[in-house]
Each structure stands twice: as structure tokens, then as C-alpha cells.
Amino acid sequence: MSAFALTIGGKAVATTRQLDVINPFDESLAGRCAEATTEHVDQAVRCAREALAGWASTPDAERAAKLVDIAALIERNQAELARLITLEQGKPQSGPGANFEVAGAAGWTRATASLKLPEETIQDDNVARIVIRRKPVGVVGSVTPWNWPLLIATWHVMPAVRVGCTVVIKPSPLTPLATLRLIELMNQILPPGVVNVVTGGAEVGARLTDHPGVDKLVFTGSVATGRKVMESASHSLKRLTLELGGNDAGIILPGTDLEPLLEKLFWGCFINAGQTCAALKRLYVHESQYAAVVDRFAAYVAQIPVGNGLEPQTLIGPVSNRMQLEKIMGLVAEARARGARIVVGGVKPDGPGFIFPLTVIADCTDEMRVVKEEQFGPVMPLIRYRTIEEAIRRANSLEVGLGGSVWGDDPEAAARYAGQLECGTAWVNQHGVINPMTPFGGVKCSGIGVEFGVDGLKEYTTVQALNIAR
């Protein structure tokens, strides 16, 4: 089994220590990679800073063209990248899984290449000419999670590269392989030092987030870790983009015909085994049709195969790591002990690996941990409500606000209610659907700043006003 190296300054860097990466399906060894030290972080930041002036001064059209070339290279290596994702993260090859993720990475890269930040003229008369220019913020430090390792790396790195920044990225130590390969591929096209990758745990991450040579941090992960990243960044007043936890709520309006919405509702809840920040994680159902919705949704969920992501019939893979599995099991056990009814799933099968069945829980209340905490797994609690106003109030009651959705037969009426949700993205009759041209981010404790589109691109720049007297 070959070991994956770091890429620093355009060169492969081996280390004396290695990380073992575990396949979550059966706990076998998925691969090994180099494990960085804080000295490697220093080296990577130094290389990124040395490359910054040359890359920032590269013509805009040339930077865009290189991203187009990177997108094509990702597509040519899709089979390899998708297999790495399945082995290290568990996501299936079929459905909206590993191949979907790689295709998304290529598509997002190509979309990012098409974005532009033209100079804006504020005043142009006989008194003065004032223009606004966008300049690259500098060296960007990226810290990515384990749930969508390649796609989120793309979301972090490509806009930074597009505007002329250089990057040091640190993937999760649980899922570093596909990201290491992505950065290796990018270095076939980009000048040395523009994109660098280090690996490791908390010590390496802390060095990157605190590093005086890093001008901006972009982080995707939990609220708790986001607070630590923000504190670390405060020492040198780094710019920040934080995409944090969600615990998104969905509301099914009274009288809604569930049948035509079942498939979209299912994937809104269970894509990537529920391990998605903007997945639907608590569903409010009107008391008049609560029993019917529970039965029909549970019957739909029960038919979806869960298992080894390398098998073509699998649509949902395992939970990605032991720590997350144990958290999910604890939340389900607490709900059961407090009177919730496990309609489907709820019990881990015997044997190795982190498979947990798709689980639907009825008779839940807002006080249960499975409702008020982001379970981040293949579990869906259904909660009764009496009035729509009550449901909206309860949906908005948590400290997070990433996404939310309203489901109903009248999309315009549903949209009016969706507008009352306290979240960065409100969906109608769908959940978790994102677009590379549409800004995405959270309110309250779900983050700072946005990603995607022109607004996301601006997050990697500083503003310079040029004021020329006539």
C-alpha cells in the first residue's frame, strides 16, 4: 500500500511519522499518509508567502484558465478520487455519493473560474475619479472536515486561487487521502507554492490557525471548534470565513400531500448518512397528519439499502468514524429512554465497522438531545406541532441557523413561511440543494461570512479605494 505525501512548495514531502486512515465500513486500513509536524506548517506557510506576489500578479484570465484545466484534471481522475473517498469516508459510489462529490468538485472549480470581480467606479467627474479594486487577501489557511472531504476542499481552495491568494490546507486526519491527491494534481498545473497541504491533528491545526504568516482562515466544522479557530485568529486579526453546525429544521404544512415529496425529503434528511451540515435534522409535522406522515416516511426509509459503499446497490454508507457513531447511539438511546418511539432502525448491527441503520424516531420533543443537538447521522426525529406559528418559533429556538425548509402543496404560501425562518438558506419543497452561484452561509452561531458565487469570492479579497483628484 503506497503512502500519500504532503505537498509543500510544489514538491512531495515525506515524513518520519504516518497516519493510518481507517475504512469506516469494516475498520480495515484504507491507506496511509505522511503526518506533518508544526515545522511542516511553518515550511508550507513560508512557501505560500514566497509564491504570493507572483501568483497575485498573474493575469486574471490566466488564473481562470488554470482553474478550468484543474477541473478537467479532476474529471480525468474521477475514478481514483471517488474510490479514495469511499475508502476513507464511507460514501457510496452510487447515488449522491463519492462520484457525485468528485463531479461536484470539478463543476464548482469550473464555475469559480467563470467568476469575475471587475473594478467598480464610484465617481468619475471633474472633481475626482474614485474606483474600488479587489486585492487578494494573502495567504489563506484552510481547515476542512471529514464529511465531504474533496468537495469542501474545493470550496475553500478554488476561490482563493482564483483571486490570486496562495493556500495551506489541512484536511481532517480521518479523511486526508483524497485531499492530498487533489493538491498533488493541482500542483501539476499551478506554480510551486500556490497550494500546499499538511496533515495532522490538533497541534498542527493550532499552528496553522495561529500562524502569523496566514492572513485569512476558512474553516468548516462544529460550532465549538469554530469558536476556538476564531479565538486563535484573533491574535493577529486574521480574516475569517466560518461555516459551522446547522441542526436544520423542516416544517411540513398541514394537509400536505407527502407522496410527491418523499424522495426529496429523504435525501434532504439522509444524504451522506445525514453527515452534512445543511441536512434536515429535525422535522416538524402538523398533528392532523402526524401518524400518517410517520408511517409513510418510515416505510420509504426502510427500503433504502445501507452498507459497503463499494457495492453498486448501496445508496447510504456507514457513519464515518467511531466517535460520531458513539454520539449517535447515545442520542438515540436517550430519546428512547425519554419515551420516543423508534419506528425504523435504532440498533447497530453486530460486527466490525460503523454501520448504523437509517432511523426514524416518532413522538419526539424539543427537550430531547436528538432534537436540540446536531446529531449529524442517519437519524430523523419527527415532532408534532399545532399551529404554523408555533412550528416556526420552535424551529428558530436554537442558537444555530444554517438552513431550513418548509414543505407544502402551495409553494408560494410555503415560501412566505420559509422567509420567517432564521437561517442563511431557506428552501421550499427541498432541502440542502446548493448552487455554485448562490451565496451560502449561516446566521447566529452557524458561521461568519459566505461561500460560493461573487459574494463568496469577495471573502478572499480586501478592498482598496483609489481616489484620484482631477
Protein backbone atom coordinates (compact mmCIF):
# COMPACT_ATOMS: atom_id res chain seq x y z
CA MET A 1 0.00 0.00 0.00
CA SER A 2 1.52 3.31 -1.08
CA ALA A 3 1.70 6.20 1.39
CA PHE A 4 0.49 9.65 0.39
CA ALA A 5 2.94 12.53 0.82
CA LEU A 6 2.50 16.15 1.77
CA THR A 7 2.86 18.71 -0.99
CA ILE A 8 4.86 21.78 0.03
CA GLY A 9 6.37 24.26 -2.40
CA GLY A 10 5.36 22.06 -5.33
CA LYS A 11 7.29 19.05 -4.03
CA ALA A 12 6.25 15.79 -2.40
CA VAL A 13 7.39 15.75 1.23
CA ALA A 14 7.69 12.51 3.16
CA THR A 15 7.72 12.50 6.94
CA THR A 16 9.03 10.21 9.66
CA ARG A 17 5.51 9.70 11.05
CA GLN A 18 2.49 8.33 9.23
CA LEU A 19 -1.26 8.44 9.74
CA ASP A 20 -3.31 5.29 9.37
CA VAL A 21 -6.64 6.02 7.67
CA ILE A 22 -9.47 3.63 8.60
CA ASN A 23 -12.21 2.38 6.29
CA PRO A 24 -15.43 3.06 8.23
CA PHE A 25 -17.28 0.13 6.64
CA ASP A 26 -15.14 -2.63 8.17
CA GLU A 27 -12.36 -0.81 10.09
CA SER A 28 -9.72 -2.13 7.71
CA LEU A 29 -6.77 0.03 6.68
CA ALA A 30 -7.87 2.34 3.87
CA GLY A 31 -4.43 3.89 3.38
CA ARG A 32 -1.53 5.71 4.95
CA CYS A 33 -0.27 9.23 4.59
CA ALA A 34 2.51 11.42 5.86
CA GLU A 35 1.82 13.10 9.20
CA ALA A 36 3.06 16.68 9.39
CA THR A 37 4.66 18.48 12.30
CA THR A 38 4.42 22.15 13.20
CA GLU A 39 7.70 22.63 11.34
CA HIS A 40 6.00 21.42 8.16
CA VAL A 41 3.28 24.02 8.74
CA ASP A 42 5.94 26.72 9.01
CA GLN A 43 7.56 25.47 5.81
CA ALA A 44 4.24 25.39 3.94
CA VAL A 45 3.29 28.92 5.05
CA ARG A 46 6.74 30.18 4.04
CA CYS A 47 6.37 28.62 0.58
CA ALA A 48 2.87 30.05 0.19
CA ARG A 49 4.11 33.54 1.12
CA GLU A 50 7.04 33.30 -1.29
CA ALA A 51 4.65 32.36 -4.10
CA LEU A 52 2.08 35.06 -3.27
CA ALA A 53 3.48 38.05 -5.16
CA GLY A 54 3.97 36.13 -8.40
CA TRP A 55 0.54 34.48 -8.28
CA ALA A 56 -1.29 37.67 -7.29
CA SER A 57 0.27 39.49 -10.26
CA THR A 58 -0.63 36.71 -12.71
CA PRO A 59 -3.20 37.99 -15.22
CA ASP A 60 -6.77 37.27 -14.19
CA ALA A 61 -7.55 35.40 -17.40
CA GLU A 62 -4.55 33.13 -16.87
CA ARG A 63 -5.65 32.24 -13.33
CA ALA A 64 -9.16 31.46 -14.63
CA ALA A 65 -7.73 29.26 -17.39
CA LYS A 66 -5.69 27.26 -14.90
CA LEU A 67 -8.81 26.56 -12.85
CA VAL A 68 -10.52 25.28 -15.99
CA ASP A 69 -7.52 22.98 -16.54
CA ILE A 70 -7.76 21.79 -12.92
CA ALA A 71 -11.45 20.99 -13.37
CA ALA A 72 -10.59 18.85 -16.40
CA LEU A 73 -7.82 17.10 -14.45
CA ILE A 74 -10.23 16.29 -11.62
CA GLU A 75 -12.60 14.75 -14.16
CA ARG A 76 -9.84 12.66 -15.73
CA ASN A 77 -9.00 11.28 -12.28
CA GLN A 78 -12.59 10.85 -11.12
CA ALA A 79 -12.48 7.07 -10.61
CA GLU A 80 -9.37 7.25 -8.41
CA LEU A 81 -10.65 10.18 -6.34
CA ALA A 82 -14.10 8.63 -5.87
CA ARG A 83 -12.60 5.35 -4.69
CA LEU A 84 -10.41 7.17 -2.18
CA ILE A 85 -13.45 8.99 -0.81
CA THR A 86 -15.37 5.74 -0.38
CA LEU A 87 -12.46 4.01 1.32
CA GLU A 88 -11.69 6.80 3.79
CA GLN A 89 -15.12 8.34 4.37
CA GLY A 90 -17.61 5.58 3.50
CA LYS A 91 -19.66 7.49 0.95
CA PRO A 92 -21.08 5.11 -1.71
CA GLN A 93 -20.00 5.01 -5.32
CA SER A 94 -23.68 5.15 -6.33
CA GLY A 95 -26.33 7.84 -5.88
CA PRO A 96 -25.33 11.23 -4.43
CA GLY A 97 -22.13 9.71 -3.09
CA ALA A 98 -18.43 9.68 -3.97
CA ASN A 99 -18.76 10.11 -7.74
CA PHE A 100 -21.31 12.85 -7.10
CA GLU A 101 -18.76 14.55 -4.82
CA VAL A 102 -15.96 14.40 -7.39
CA ALA A 103 -18.24 15.68 -10.15
CA GLY A 104 -19.28 18.49 -7.81
CA ALA A 105 -15.65 19.40 -7.18
CA ALA A 106 -14.98 19.65 -10.92
CA GLY A 107 -18.18 21.61 -11.53
CA TRP A 108 -17.53 24.04 -8.68
CA THR A 109 -13.98 24.60 -9.93
CA ARG A 110 -15.23 25.41 -13.42
CA ALA A 111 -17.95 27.70 -12.04
CA THR A 112 -15.40 29.50 -9.86
CA ALA A 113 -13.20 30.05 -12.90
CA SER A 114 -16.07 31.92 -14.57
CA LEU A 115 -16.47 34.45 -11.74
CA LYS A 116 -15.06 37.95 -12.06
CA LEU A 117 -14.55 40.90 -9.72
CA PRO A 118 -14.33 43.90 -12.04
CA GLU A 119 -13.20 47.31 -10.89
CA GLU A 120 -16.13 49.42 -9.66
CA THR A 121 -16.36 53.12 -10.45
CA ILE A 122 -17.87 55.19 -7.63
CA GLN A 123 -17.22 58.69 -9.02
CA ASP A 124 -15.86 59.97 -12.31
CA ASP A 125 -16.26 63.71 -12.82
CA ASN A 126 -14.22 66.91 -12.96
CA VAL A 127 -13.51 66.67 -9.21
CA ALA A 128 -12.19 63.12 -8.85
CA ARG A 129 -12.20 59.61 -10.14
CA ILE A 130 -12.84 57.02 -7.43
CA VAL A 131 -12.65 53.29 -8.14
CA ILE A 132 -12.91 50.23 -5.92
CA ARG A 133 -10.44 47.44 -6.52
CA ARG A 134 -10.36 43.97 -5.01
CA LYS A 135 -6.95 42.63 -3.99
CA PRO A 136 -6.10 39.09 -2.80
CA VAL A 137 -6.14 38.89 0.99
CA GLY A 138 -2.85 36.97 1.02
CA VAL A 139 -2.02 33.52 2.39
CA VAL A 140 -5.14 31.51 3.22
CA GLY A 141 -5.21 28.76 5.83
CA SER A 142 -7.91 26.15 5.19
CA VAL A 143 -9.14 23.55 7.69
CA THR A 144 -11.62 21.04 6.29
CA PRO A 145 -13.88 18.38 7.89
CA TRP A 146 -14.32 14.66 7.26
CA ASN A 147 -17.86 14.57 5.83
CA TRP A 148 -17.32 15.93 2.26
CA PRO A 149 -13.51 15.98 2.18
CA LEU A 150 -12.90 16.69 -1.51
CA LEU A 151 -15.86 18.98 -2.17
CA ILE A 152 -15.27 21.22 0.83
CA ALA A 153 -11.56 21.41 0.00
CA THR A 154 -12.65 22.65 -3.43
CA TRP A 155 -14.96 25.23 -1.86
CA HIS A 156 -12.07 26.55 0.24
CA VAL A 157 -9.18 26.42 -2.19
CA MET A 158 -10.56 27.32 -5.62
CA PRO A 159 -11.91 30.81 -4.87
CA ALA A 160 -8.68 31.66 -3.03
CA VAL A 161 -6.60 30.59 -6.02
CA ARG A 162 -9.00 32.33 -8.42
CA VAL A 163 -8.42 35.80 -6.92
CA GLY A 164 -4.66 35.42 -6.51
CA CYS A 165 -4.24 34.09 -2.96
CA THR A 166 -2.00 31.20 -2.01
CA VAL A 167 -3.14 28.41 0.28
CA VAL A 168 -2.12 25.98 3.01
CA ILE A 169 -4.84 23.39 3.58
CA LYS A 170 -5.13 20.90 6.42
CA PRO A 171 -7.69 18.14 5.87
CA SER A 172 -9.24 16.12 8.68
CA PRO A 173 -6.84 13.40 9.87
CA LEU A 174 -9.75 10.98 9.42
CA THR A 175 -10.10 11.67 5.67
CA PRO A 176 -6.89 13.15 4.24
CA LEU A 177 -6.29 10.91 1.22
CA ALA A 178 -8.48 12.44 -1.49
CA THR A 179 -7.40 15.95 -0.49
CA LEU A 180 -3.72 15.02 -0.63
CA ARG A 181 -4.27 13.63 -4.11
CA LEU A 182 -6.24 16.73 -5.19
CA ILE A 183 -3.43 19.08 -4.14
CA GLU A 184 -0.91 16.82 -5.86
CA LEU A 185 -2.94 17.10 -9.07
CA MET A 186 -3.31 20.88 -8.74
CA ASN A 187 0.45 21.21 -8.49
CA GLN A 188 0.75 19.73 -11.97
CA ILE A 189 -0.86 22.96 -13.21
CA LEU A 190 -0.13 25.71 -10.68
CA PRO A 191 3.25 27.30 -9.87
CA PRO A 192 5.08 25.83 -6.86
CA GLY A 193 3.86 27.10 -3.51
CA VAL A 194 0.46 28.35 -4.65
CA VAL A 195 -1.32 25.41 -2.99
CA ASN A 196 0.25 23.37 -0.19
CA VAL A 197 -1.14 20.63 2.06
CA VAL A 198 -0.23 19.46 5.55
CA THR A 199 -1.85 16.80 7.69
CA GLY A 200 -2.20 16.05 11.37
CA GLY A 201 -4.28 16.59 14.45
CA ALA A 202 -4.91 19.40 16.90
CA GLU A 203 -1.30 20.52 17.25
CA VAL A 204 -0.87 21.00 13.50
CA GLY A 205 -4.26 22.67 13.20
CA ALA A 206 -3.49 25.06 16.05
CA ARG A 207 -0.20 26.07 14.46
CA LEU A 208 -1.92 26.85 11.16
CA THR A 209 -4.78 28.85 12.69
CA ASP A 210 -2.39 30.82 14.93
CA HIS A 211 0.37 31.30 12.35
CA PRO A 212 1.42 34.95 11.91
CA GLY A 213 2.11 34.30 8.21
CA VAL A 214 -1.53 33.39 7.49
CA ASP A 215 -3.79 36.31 6.53
CA LYS A 216 -7.15 34.55 6.41
CA LEU A 217 -8.69 31.36 7.75
CA VAL A 218 -11.55 29.40 6.24
CA PHE A 219 -12.97 26.64 8.41
CA THR A 220 -15.86 24.21 8.09
CA GLY A 221 -16.85 22.22 11.17
CA SER A 222 -18.55 22.35 14.53
CA VAL A 223 -19.58 25.46 16.43
CA ALA A 224 -17.30 24.53 19.33
CA THR A 225 -14.22 24.19 17.11
CA GLY A 226 -15.22 27.30 15.18
CA ARG A 227 -15.06 29.30 18.40
CA LYS A 228 -11.51 28.00 19.00
CA VAL A 229 -10.49 28.91 15.43
CA MET A 230 -11.92 32.40 15.92
CA GLU A 231 -10.03 32.84 19.18
CA SER A 232 -6.80 31.69 17.56
CA ALA A 233 -7.31 34.03 14.61
CA SER A 234 -7.86 36.99 16.93
CA HIS A 235 -4.20 37.12 17.90
CA SER A 236 -3.28 38.59 14.51
CA LEU A 237 -6.76 39.79 13.45
CA LYS A 238 -6.99 37.31 10.59
CA ARG A 239 -9.97 37.49 8.25
CA LEU A 240 -12.40 34.63 8.77
CA THR A 241 -14.93 32.56 6.93
CA LEU A 242 -16.61 30.04 9.24
CA GLU A 243 -19.26 27.53 8.10
CA LEU A 244 -20.41 25.83 11.27
CA GLY A 245 -23.08 23.48 12.55
CA GLY A 246 -26.68 23.53 11.42
CA ASN A 247 -29.29 21.26 13.02
CA ASP A 248 -31.66 22.41 10.28
CA ALA A 249 -35.41 22.27 10.83
CA GLY A 250 -38.08 21.36 8.30
CA ILE A 251 -41.79 22.11 8.62
CA ILE A 252 -44.48 20.14 6.77
CA LEU A 253 -47.55 22.37 6.40
CA PRO A 254 -50.98 20.97 7.34
CA GLY A 255 -52.68 18.94 4.62
CA THR A 256 -49.55 18.49 2.50
CA ASP A 257 -49.59 15.59 0.03
CA LEU A 258 -46.40 13.84 1.08
CA GLU A 259 -46.19 11.31 -1.75
CA PRO A 260 -44.64 13.53 -4.48
CA LEU A 261 -42.17 14.97 -1.95
CA LEU A 262 -40.90 11.72 -0.41
CA GLU A 263 -37.75 11.29 -2.46
CA LYS A 264 -36.60 14.89 -1.98
CA LEU A 265 -37.50 14.70 1.70
CA PHE A 266 -35.49 11.50 2.10
CA TRP A 267 -32.33 12.92 0.51
CA GLY A 268 -32.75 16.18 2.40
CA CYS A 269 -32.54 14.13 5.61
CA PHE A 270 -30.20 11.27 4.79
CA ILE A 271 -27.74 12.33 2.08
CA ASN A 272 -24.27 11.17 3.15
CA ALA A 273 -25.91 9.24 6.01
CA GLY A 274 -27.09 12.55 7.45
CA GLN A 275 -23.48 13.74 7.83
CA THR A 276 -24.00 17.08 6.12
CA CYS A 277 -24.09 20.48 7.82
CA ALA A 278 -27.11 21.56 5.79
CA ALA A 279 -29.02 18.29 6.02
CA LEU A 280 -32.51 18.28 7.51
CA LYS A 281 -32.12 17.12 11.12
CA ARG A 282 -35.50 17.74 12.81
CA LEU A 283 -38.88 17.57 11.11
CA TYR A 284 -41.99 19.29 12.45
CA VAL A 285 -45.29 17.70 11.33
CA HIS A 286 -48.81 19.02 11.97
CA GLU A 287 -50.76 16.93 14.47
CA SER A 288 -53.60 16.38 11.97
CA GLN A 289 -51.43 14.14 9.78
CA TYR A 290 -48.61 13.23 12.15
CA ALA A 291 -49.37 9.49 12.34
CA ALA A 292 -49.78 9.19 8.57
CA VAL A 293 -46.53 11.04 7.83
CA VAL A 294 -44.57 8.95 10.33
CA ASP A 295 -45.83 5.70 8.83
CA ARG A 296 -45.32 6.69 5.19
CA PHE A 297 -41.90 8.25 5.71
CA ALA A 298 -40.69 5.29 7.79
CA ALA A 299 -41.86 2.85 5.10
CA TYR A 300 -39.91 4.79 2.45
CA VAL A 301 -36.76 4.96 4.59
CA ALA A 302 -36.87 1.24 5.41
CA GLN A 303 -36.42 0.26 1.76
CA ILE A 304 -33.13 2.14 1.19
CA PRO A 305 -30.03 -0.10 1.25
CA VAL A 306 -27.22 0.75 3.68
CA GLY A 307 -23.82 -0.91 3.55
CA ASN A 308 -20.46 -1.10 1.79
CA GLY A 309 -20.00 1.93 -0.41
CA LEU A 310 -18.01 -0.08 -2.96
CA GLU A 311 -21.05 -2.25 -3.75
CA PRO A 312 -23.13 -0.71 -6.56
CA GLN A 313 -26.52 -1.30 -4.91
CA THR A 314 -25.55 0.68 -1.79
CA LEU A 315 -27.10 4.16 -1.56
CA ILE A 316 -26.13 5.03 2.02
CA GLY A 317 -22.80 4.15 3.59
CA PRO A 318 -21.58 3.90 7.18
CA VAL A 319 -21.12 6.60 9.75
CA SER A 320 -17.65 7.91 9.06
CA ASN A 321 -15.88 7.34 12.36
CA ARG A 322 -16.26 5.68 15.75
CA MET A 323 -16.60 8.91 17.71
CA GLN A 324 -19.57 10.00 15.59
CA LEU A 325 -21.16 6.55 15.79
CA GLU A 326 -20.99 6.54 19.59
CA LYS A 327 -22.54 10.01 19.74
CA ILE A 328 -25.44 8.94 17.52
CA MET A 329 -26.05 5.78 19.53
CA GLY A 330 -26.13 7.83 22.71
CA LEU A 331 -28.66 10.30 21.29
CA VAL A 332 -30.96 7.50 20.14
CA ALA A 333 -30.70 5.73 23.50
CA GLU A 334 -31.55 8.95 25.37
CA ALA A 335 -34.59 9.57 23.14
CA ARG A 336 -35.83 6.00 23.71
CA ALA A 337 -35.38 6.35 27.46
CA ARG A 338 -37.42 9.57 27.46
CA GLY A 339 -40.38 7.98 25.69
CA ALA A 340 -39.64 8.40 21.99
CA ARG A 341 -40.70 5.59 19.67
CA ILE A 342 -38.10 4.06 17.34
CA VAL A 343 -40.14 3.35 14.20
CA VAL A 344 -37.30 2.17 11.95
CA GLY A 345 -33.68 1.30 12.76
CA GLY A 346 -32.13 2.42 16.00
CA VAL A 347 -29.84 -0.56 16.68
CA LYS A 348 -26.33 -1.04 15.32
CA PRO A 349 -25.87 -4.46 13.70
CA ASP A 350 -23.25 -6.80 15.16
CA GLY A 351 -19.81 -6.89 13.62
CA PRO A 352 -16.97 -4.50 12.79
CA GLY A 353 -17.42 -1.15 11.14
CA PHE A 354 -19.57 1.88 11.78
CA ILE A 355 -22.80 0.93 10.01
CA PHE A 356 -25.86 2.41 11.69
CA PRO A 357 -29.29 1.81 10.17
CA LEU A 358 -31.42 4.63 8.84
CA THR A 359 -33.51 5.57 11.86
CA VAL A 360 -36.85 7.32 12.17
CA ILE A 361 -37.93 8.38 15.67
CA ALA A 362 -41.52 9.40 16.49
CA ASP A 363 -43.05 11.15 19.50
CA CYS A 364 -40.02 13.36 19.98
CA THR A 365 -39.98 16.57 21.98
CA ASP A 366 -37.76 19.63 21.75
CA GLU A 367 -36.12 18.76 25.07
CA MET A 368 -34.60 15.53 23.76
CA ARG A 369 -30.94 15.74 22.82
CA VAL A 370 -31.63 14.14 19.42
CA VAL A 371 -33.69 17.26 18.62
CA LYS A 372 -31.79 20.07 20.30
CA GLU A 373 -28.29 18.82 19.39
CA GLU A 374 -26.99 18.32 15.86
CA GLN A 375 -26.87 14.52 15.67
CA PHE A 376 -25.04 14.53 12.31
CA GLY A 377 -26.00 11.00 11.36
CA PRO A 378 -28.69 8.79 9.78
CA VAL A 379 -31.36 9.67 12.37
CA MET A 380 -34.54 11.69 11.85
CA PRO A 381 -36.70 12.83 14.78
CA LEU A 382 -40.31 13.78 13.94
CA ILE A 383 -42.03 16.31 16.21
CA ARG A 384 -45.71 17.26 16.42
CA TYR A 385 -46.92 20.86 16.24
CA ARG A 386 -50.36 22.52 16.50
CA THR A 387 -50.02 25.85 14.66
CA ILE A 388 -47.60 27.02 11.99
CA GLU A 389 -46.58 29.99 14.14
CA GLU A 390 -45.64 27.56 16.89
CA ALA A 391 -43.61 25.43 14.49
CA ILE A 392 -41.67 28.45 13.22
CA ARG A 393 -40.96 29.61 16.76
CA ARG A 394 -39.66 26.17 17.73
CA ALA A 395 -37.62 25.86 14.54
CA ASN A 396 -35.97 29.21 15.36
CA SER A 397 -35.33 28.42 19.03
CA LEU A 398 -31.77 27.10 18.73
CA GLU A 399 -28.50 29.04 18.62
CA VAL A 400 -27.76 27.83 15.08
CA GLY A 401 -29.24 28.94 11.76
CA LEU A 402 -27.64 27.39 8.69
CA GLY A 403 -30.63 26.15 6.67
CA GLY A 404 -34.32 25.42 7.00
CA SER A 405 -37.20 24.31 4.83
CA VAL A 406 -40.98 24.42 4.51
CA TRP A 407 -42.93 21.74 2.63
CA GLY A 408 -46.42 22.23 1.23
CA ASP A 409 -48.79 21.90 -1.72
CA ASP A 410 -48.76 25.67 -2.33
CA PRO A 411 -45.11 26.71 -2.93
CA GLU A 412 -45.87 30.43 -2.64
CA ALA A 413 -47.57 30.02 0.73
CA ALA A 414 -44.69 27.79 1.86
CA ALA A 415 -42.21 30.45 0.71
CA ARG A 416 -43.90 33.08 2.89
CA TYR A 417 -43.41 30.87 5.93
CA ALA A 418 -39.86 29.93 4.88
CA GLY A 419 -38.97 33.61 4.89
CA GLN A 420 -39.68 33.66 8.64
CA LEU A 421 -37.03 31.03 9.39
CA GLU A 422 -33.84 32.34 10.99
CA CYS A 423 -31.31 30.72 8.67
CA GLY A 424 -28.89 31.52 5.87
CA THR A 425 -30.75 29.46 3.27
CA ALA A 426 -34.49 28.71 3.30
CA TRP A 427 -35.74 26.02 0.94
CA VAL A 428 -39.26 25.22 -0.23
CA ASN A 429 -40.16 21.58 -1.02
CA GLN A 430 -36.48 20.61 -0.95
CA HIS A 431 -33.60 20.79 1.48
CA GLY A 432 -29.83 21.08 1.19
CA VAL A 433 -29.79 21.92 -2.54
CA ILE A 434 -26.92 24.31 -3.24
CA ASN A 435 -25.65 26.17 -6.30
CA PRO A 436 -22.12 27.46 -7.03
CA MET A 437 -23.51 30.89 -7.94
CA THR A 438 -25.71 31.30 -4.83
CA PRO A 439 -24.15 32.58 -1.58
CA PHE A 440 -24.22 30.01 1.20
CA GLY A 441 -23.62 30.64 4.88
CA GLY A 442 -25.27 30.73 8.27
CA VAL A 443 -26.68 33.19 10.78
CA LYS A 444 -26.41 33.17 14.57
CA CYS A 445 -23.81 30.56 15.61
CA SER A 446 -23.80 28.81 12.24
CA GLY A 447 -20.95 30.89 10.95
CA ILE A 448 -19.42 34.10 9.67
CA GLY A 449 -19.29 35.08 6.01
CA VAL A 450 -20.50 33.20 2.95
CA GLU A 451 -19.17 30.85 0.30
CA PHE A 452 -19.98 30.49 -3.42
CA GLY A 453 -20.69 33.00 -6.14
CA VAL A 454 -19.35 36.53 -6.34
CA ASP A 455 -20.10 37.17 -2.66
CA GLY A 456 -18.05 34.13 -1.70
CA LEU A 457 -15.21 35.21 -3.98
CA LYS A 458 -15.09 38.62 -2.29
CA GLU A 459 -14.39 36.88 1.03
CA TYR A 460 -10.85 36.18 -0.24
CA THR A 461 -10.13 39.81 -1.07
CA THR A 462 -9.54 43.15 0.58
CA VAL A 463 -11.00 46.41 -0.68
CA GLN A 464 -8.81 49.23 -1.94
CA ALA A 465 -10.43 52.57 -2.80
CA LEU A 466 -8.35 54.50 -5.32
CA ASN A 467 -9.21 58.23 -5.15
CA ILE A 468 -7.65 60.31 -7.94
CA ALA A 469 -8.02 64.09 -7.81
CA ARG A 470 -8.62 65.76 -11.19
